[in-house]
Amino acid sequence: QVQLVESGGGLVQAGGSLRLSCAASGRTFSNYYMAWFRQAPGKERELVADIDWSGGSTFYADSALGRFTISRDNAKNTVYLQMNSLKPEDTAVYHCAADVNLPDIRAGLYLDYWGQGTQVTVSS
């Protein structure tokens, strides 16, 4: 069974850091775009960051740019999100996703694979 399993979430003070991991299993994702989305109560789902198959091209939402770093290790079939200088507004459930097609990632639609998420809570 193909699965994406997120880990690394938790409770952190504003200004602190967390590193999220997304471990893929059941197939190789080397030729997939990988992405992190987040969903917070009262807010629409938001694309936080994505990364191409080589790791050479990345995208960040304005809210994440300069604070978050997405990376991947294809040998380990894992994608990471390093989150620094966290703010209370970063509080959300963070999901990883995979898709062969970048437009699907950018639209947040018809994603080939989607994880169950890990909770990130940032206190003031």
C-alpha atoms as a PDB file:
ATOM      1  CA  GLN A   1       0.000   0.000   0.000  1.00  0.00           C
ATOM      2  CA  VAL A   2       1.324   3.450  -0.919  1.00  0.00           C
ATOM      3  CA  GLN A   3       1.507   5.777   2.066  1.00  0.00           C
ATOM      4  CA  LEU A   4       2.876   9.160   3.057  1.00  0.00           C
ATOM      5  CA  VAL A   5       3.383   9.439   6.808  1.00  0.00           C
ATOM      6  CA  GLU A   6       4.225  12.759   8.424  1.00  0.00           C
ATOM      7  CA  SER A   7       6.043  13.187  11.708  1.00  0.00           C
ATOM      8  CA  GLY A   8       7.833  15.858  13.705  1.00  0.00           C
ATOM      9  CA  GLY A   9       4.944  18.068  14.692  1.00  0.00           C
ATOM     10  CA  GLY A  10       4.374  19.276  18.204  1.00  0.00           C
ATOM     11  CA  LEU A  11       4.050  22.255  20.482  1.00  0.00           C
ATOM     12  CA  VAL A  12       6.661  24.983  20.209  1.00  0.00           C
ATOM     13  CA  GLN A  13       7.040  28.552  21.407  1.00  0.00           C
ATOM     14  CA  ALA A  14       6.908  31.433  18.976  1.00  0.00           C
ATOM     15  CA  GLY A  15      10.352  31.924  17.507  1.00  0.00           C
ATOM     16  CA  GLY A  16      11.211  28.267  17.852  1.00  0.00           C
ATOM     17  CA  SER A  17      11.855  25.611  15.230  1.00  0.00           C
ATOM     18  CA  LEU A  18      10.526  22.251  14.127  1.00  0.00           C
ATOM     19  CA  ARG A  19      11.526  19.835  11.405  1.00  0.00           C
ATOM     20  CA  LEU A  20       8.758  17.847   9.776  1.00  0.00           C
ATOM     21  CA  SER A  21       9.425  14.615   7.943  1.00  0.00           C
ATOM     22  CA  CYS A  22       7.313  12.793   5.396  1.00  0.00           C
ATOM     23  CA  ALA A  23       8.253   9.182   4.861  1.00  0.00           C
ATOM     24  CA  ALA A  24       6.915   7.571   1.718  1.00  0.00           C
ATOM     25  CA  SER A  25       6.462   3.862   1.292  1.00  0.00           C
ATOM     26  CA  GLY A  26       5.002   1.460  -1.218  1.00  0.00           C
ATOM     27  CA  ARG A  27       6.679   3.040  -4.223  1.00  0.00           C
ATOM     28  CA  THR A  28       9.530   5.322  -5.232  1.00  0.00           C
ATOM     29  CA  PHE A  29       8.710   9.032  -5.429  1.00  0.00           C
ATOM     30  CA  SER A  30      11.905  10.175  -7.120  1.00  0.00           C
ATOM     31  CA  ASN A  31      10.014  11.411 -10.180  1.00  0.00           C
ATOM     32  CA  TYR A  32       7.292  13.208  -8.198  1.00  0.00           C
ATOM     33  CA  TYR A  33       6.950  16.766  -7.101  1.00  0.00           C
ATOM     34  CA  MET A  34       6.599  16.814  -3.324  1.00  0.00           C
ATOM     35  CA  ALA A  35       4.816  19.454  -1.297  1.00  0.00           C
ATOM     36  CA  TRP A  36       3.716  20.542   2.134  1.00  0.00           C
ATOM     37  CA  PHE A  37       0.224  21.900   2.704  1.00  0.00           C
ATOM     38  CA  ARG A  38      -1.357  23.127   5.887  1.00  0.00           C
ATOM     39  CA  GLN A  39      -4.901  23.404   7.139  1.00  0.00           C
ATOM     40  CA  ALA A  40      -5.892  25.586  10.063  1.00  0.00           C
ATOM     41  CA  PRO A  41      -9.341  26.040  11.609  1.00  0.00           C
ATOM     42  CA  GLY A  42     -11.251  28.781   9.831  1.00  0.00           C
ATOM     43  CA  LYS A  43      -8.765  28.965   6.990  1.00  0.00           C
ATOM     44  CA  GLU A  44      -8.507  27.468   3.536  1.00  0.00           C
ATOM     45  CA  ARG A  45      -5.934  24.832   2.741  1.00  0.00           C
ATOM     46  CA  GLU A  46      -2.655  26.517   1.884  1.00  0.00           C
ATOM     47  CA  LEU A  47       0.324  25.354  -0.138  1.00  0.00           C
ATOM     48  CA  VAL A  48       3.360  26.020   2.036  1.00  0.00           C
ATOM     49  CA  ALA A  49       6.192  24.763  -0.154  1.00  0.00           C
ATOM     50  CA  ASP A  50       7.000  22.361  -2.950  1.00  0.00           C
ATOM     51  CA  ILE A  51      10.112  20.829  -4.465  1.00  0.00           C
ATOM     52  CA  ASP A  52      10.912  19.196  -7.778  1.00  0.00           C
ATOM     53  CA  TRP A  53      12.353  15.741  -8.314  1.00  0.00           C
ATOM     54  CA  SER A  54      15.975  16.895  -8.156  1.00  0.00           C
ATOM     55  CA  GLY A  55      15.577  19.275  -5.244  1.00  0.00           C
ATOM     56  CA  GLY A  56      16.937  22.041  -7.439  1.00  0.00           C
ATOM     57  CA  SER A  57      13.737  24.036  -7.737  1.00  0.00           C
ATOM     58  CA  THR A  58      11.550  25.059  -4.812  1.00  0.00           C
ATOM     59  CA  PHE A  59       8.518  27.202  -4.167  1.00  0.00           C
ATOM     60  CA  TYR A  60       7.422  28.874  -0.950  1.00  0.00           C
ATOM     61  CA  ALA A  61       4.289  30.675   0.042  1.00  0.00           C
ATOM     62  CA  ASP A  62       4.904  34.285   0.985  1.00  0.00           C
ATOM     63  CA  SER A  63       4.132  33.384   4.578  1.00  0.00           C
ATOM     64  CA  ALA A  64       6.884  30.754   4.594  1.00  0.00           C
ATOM     65  CA  LEU A  65       9.556  32.380   2.479  1.00  0.00           C
ATOM     66  CA  GLY A  66      12.727  33.037   4.439  1.00  0.00           C
ATOM     67  CA  ARG A  67      11.620  30.968   7.418  1.00  0.00           C
ATOM     68  CA  PHE A  68      10.888  27.504   6.015  1.00  0.00           C
ATOM     69  CA  THR A  69      13.066  25.207   3.931  1.00  0.00           C
ATOM     70  CA  ILE A  70      11.810  22.199   1.998  1.00  0.00           C
ATOM     71  CA  SER A  71      14.237  19.443   1.072  1.00  0.00           C
ATOM     72  CA  ARG A  72      14.174  15.830  -0.021  1.00  0.00           C
ATOM     73  CA  ASP A  73      16.298  12.730   0.147  1.00  0.00           C
ATOM     74  CA  ASN A  74      15.265  10.487  -2.698  1.00  0.00           C
ATOM     75  CA  ALA A  75      17.455   7.636  -1.476  1.00  0.00           C
ATOM     76  CA  LYS A  76      15.387   7.615   1.710  1.00  0.00           C
ATOM     77  CA  ASN A  77      12.106   8.415  -0.061  1.00  0.00           C
ATOM     78  CA  THR A  78      11.616  11.244   2.398  1.00  0.00           C
ATOM     79  CA  VAL A  79      10.788  14.940   2.212  1.00  0.00           C
ATOM     80  CA  TYR A  80      11.431  17.443   4.993  1.00  0.00           C
ATOM     81  CA  LEU A  81      10.188  20.838   6.051  1.00  0.00           C
ATOM     82  CA  GLN A  82      12.497  22.797   8.325  1.00  0.00           C
ATOM     83  CA  MET A  83      10.484  25.511  10.032  1.00  0.00           C
ATOM     84  CA  ASN A  84      12.287  28.333  11.810  1.00  0.00           C
ATOM     85  CA  SER A  85      11.076  31.520  13.487  1.00  0.00           C
ATOM     86  CA  LEU A  86       7.669  29.984  13.989  1.00  0.00           C
ATOM     87  CA  LYS A  87       4.676  32.221  14.567  1.00  0.00           C
ATOM     88  CA  PRO A  88       1.298  31.463  16.157  1.00  0.00           C
ATOM     89  CA  GLU A  89      -0.296  31.832  12.727  1.00  0.00           C
ATOM     90  CA  ASP A  90       1.740  28.816  11.587  1.00  0.00           C
ATOM     91  CA  THR A  91      -0.454  26.637  13.802  1.00  0.00           C
ATOM     92  CA  ALA A  92      -2.102  24.047  11.577  1.00  0.00           C
ATOM     93  CA  VAL A  93      -2.162  20.436  10.534  1.00  0.00           C
ATOM     94  CA  TYR A  94       0.650  19.971   8.040  1.00  0.00           C
ATOM     95  CA  HIS A  95       0.197  17.446   5.246  1.00  0.00           C
ATOM     96  CA  CYS A  96       2.674  16.233   2.688  1.00  0.00           C
ATOM     97  CA  ALA A  97       1.584  15.399  -0.820  1.00  0.00           C
ATOM     98  CA  ALA A  98       3.030  14.008  -4.017  1.00  0.00           C
ATOM     99  CA  ASP A  99       2.080  14.502  -7.631  1.00  0.00           C
ATOM    100  CA  VAL A 100       3.703  13.984 -10.989  1.00  0.00           C
ATOM    101  CA  ASN A 101       2.187  17.245 -12.258  1.00  0.00           C
ATOM    102  CA  LEU A 102       3.242  20.579 -10.825  1.00  0.00           C
ATOM    103  CA  PRO A 103      -0.030  22.349 -11.727  1.00  0.00           C
ATOM    104  CA  ASP A 104      -1.854  19.879  -9.489  1.00  0.00           C
ATOM    105  CA  ILE A 105       0.461  20.812  -6.629  1.00  0.00           C
ATOM    106  CA  ARG A 106       0.013  24.532  -7.185  1.00  0.00           C
ATOM    107  CA  ALA A 107      -3.755  24.163  -7.382  1.00  0.00           C
ATOM    108  CA  GLY A 108      -3.959  21.693  -4.513  1.00  0.00           C
ATOM    109  CA  LEU A 109      -6.217  19.520  -6.628  1.00  0.00           C
ATOM    110  CA  TYR A 110      -6.227  15.913  -7.746  1.00  0.00           C
ATOM    111  CA  LEU A 111      -3.121  15.129  -5.739  1.00  0.00           C
ATOM    112  CA  ASP A 112      -1.796  11.657  -6.463  1.00  0.00           C
ATOM    113  CA  TYR A 113      -0.921  10.968  -2.818  1.00  0.00           C
ATOM    114  CA  TRP A 114      -1.767  12.727   0.414  1.00  0.00           C
ATOM    115  CA  GLY A 115      -0.664  12.126   3.977  1.00  0.00           C
ATOM    116  CA  GLN A 116      -2.817  12.219   7.093  1.00  0.00           C
ATOM    117  CA  GLY A 117      -0.937  15.131   8.618  1.00  0.00           C
ATOM    118  CA  THR A 118       0.951  16.154  11.724  1.00  0.00           C
ATOM    119  CA  GLN A 119      -0.183  18.866  14.123  1.00  0.00           C
ATOM    120  CA  VAL A 120       1.979  21.939  14.631  1.00  0.00           C
ATOM    121  CA  THR A 121       0.995  24.287  17.433  1.00  0.00           C
ATOM    122  CA  VAL A 122       2.884  27.518  18.058  1.00  0.00           C
ATOM    123  CA  SER A 123       2.242  29.310  21.324  1.00  0.00           C
ATOM    124  CA  SER A 124       2.713  33.019  21.961  1.00  0.00           C
END
